[in-house]
Protein backbone atom coordinates (compact mmCIF):
# COMPACT_ATOMS: atom_id res chain seq x y z
CA MET A 1 10.34 11.14 -13.95
CA ASP A 2 13.03 7.97 -13.43
CA LYS A 3 10.95 5.15 -14.10
CA ARG A 4 12.16 3.20 -10.90
CA LEU A 5 11.89 6.41 -8.86
CA ALA A 6 8.51 6.19 -9.90
CA ALA A 7 8.13 2.40 -8.94
CA ASN A 8 9.62 3.33 -5.16
CA ILE A 9 7.62 6.05 -4.82
CA LEU A 10 4.18 3.74 -5.25
CA ILE A 11 5.98 1.07 -3.09
CA ASP A 12 6.40 3.60 -0.11
CA ARG A 13 2.63 5.05 -0.35
CA ALA A 14 1.30 1.12 -0.37
CA GLU A 15 3.55 0.52 2.44
CA VAL A 16 2.63 3.40 4.31
CA ILE A 17 -1.05 2.76 3.73
CA LEU A 18 -0.27 -1.06 5.20
CA THR A 19 1.47 0.11 7.74
CA ASN A 20 -1.34 2.54 9.12
CA ILE A 21 -3.98 -0.43 8.88
CA VAL A 22 -1.70 -2.49 11.07
CA ALA A 23 -1.36 0.55 13.45
CA LEU A 24 -4.98 0.99 13.82
CA THR A 25 -5.41 -2.67 16.18
CA ASP A 26 -6.49 -2.23 19.41
CA LYS A 27 -3.53 -3.72 21.96
CA ASP A 28 -5.94 -4.61 24.33
CA ARG A 29 -9.13 -6.76 22.18
CA ASP A 30 -8.69 -8.41 18.92
CA TYR A 31 -9.93 -6.76 16.26
CA PHE A 32 -9.73 -3.39 14.37
CA LYS A 33 -11.47 -0.17 15.99
CA VAL A 34 -12.35 1.01 12.17
CA PRO A 35 -14.93 0.26 9.91
CA VAL A 36 -14.24 -2.48 7.43
CA ILE A 37 -14.97 -0.67 4.37
CA ASP A 38 -12.50 1.88 5.09
CA VAL A 39 -10.18 -1.24 5.90
CA VAL A 40 -11.20 -2.32 2.08
CA VAL A 41 -10.18 0.48 0.48
CA SER A 42 -7.06 1.26 1.42
CA LEU A 43 -5.80 -2.63 0.74
CA GLU A 44 -7.23 -2.44 -2.27
CA THR A 45 -5.48 1.05 -3.13
CA ALA A 46 -2.24 -0.84 -1.12
CA ILE A 47 -2.72 -3.20 -4.00
CA GLN A 48 -3.50 -0.94 -6.97
CA GLN A 49 -0.11 1.04 -6.06
CA LEU A 50 1.81 -2.21 -5.67
CA GLN A 51 0.32 -3.25 -9.39
CA GLN A 52 1.59 -0.15 -10.67
CA ALA A 53 5.12 -0.34 -9.58
CA GLN A 54 5.08 -3.90 -10.84
CA ASP A 55 4.42 -2.25 -14.30
CA HIS A 56 6.53 0.17 -13.76
CA VAL A 57 9.60 -2.02 -13.10
CA SER A 58 9.00 -4.28 -16.20
CA ASN A 59 8.63 -1.68 -18.09
CA ILE A 60 12.74 -1.46 -16.93
CA THR A 61 15.24 -1.42 -19.55
CA LEU A 62 19.22 -2.01 -18.09
């Protein structure tokens, strides 16, 4: 797989994770409706995906 494509896939996955977390907010209240551990795991996964994408991008030669 092309390194640029692989990086874009990782970035897209992180974006979906973060978008899903934001979508879980309760508009009538000021908190999330999910357990804290689920939010933490999602954030850690998104960070890992973004770090992997950065590694891919760093290795791309122009």
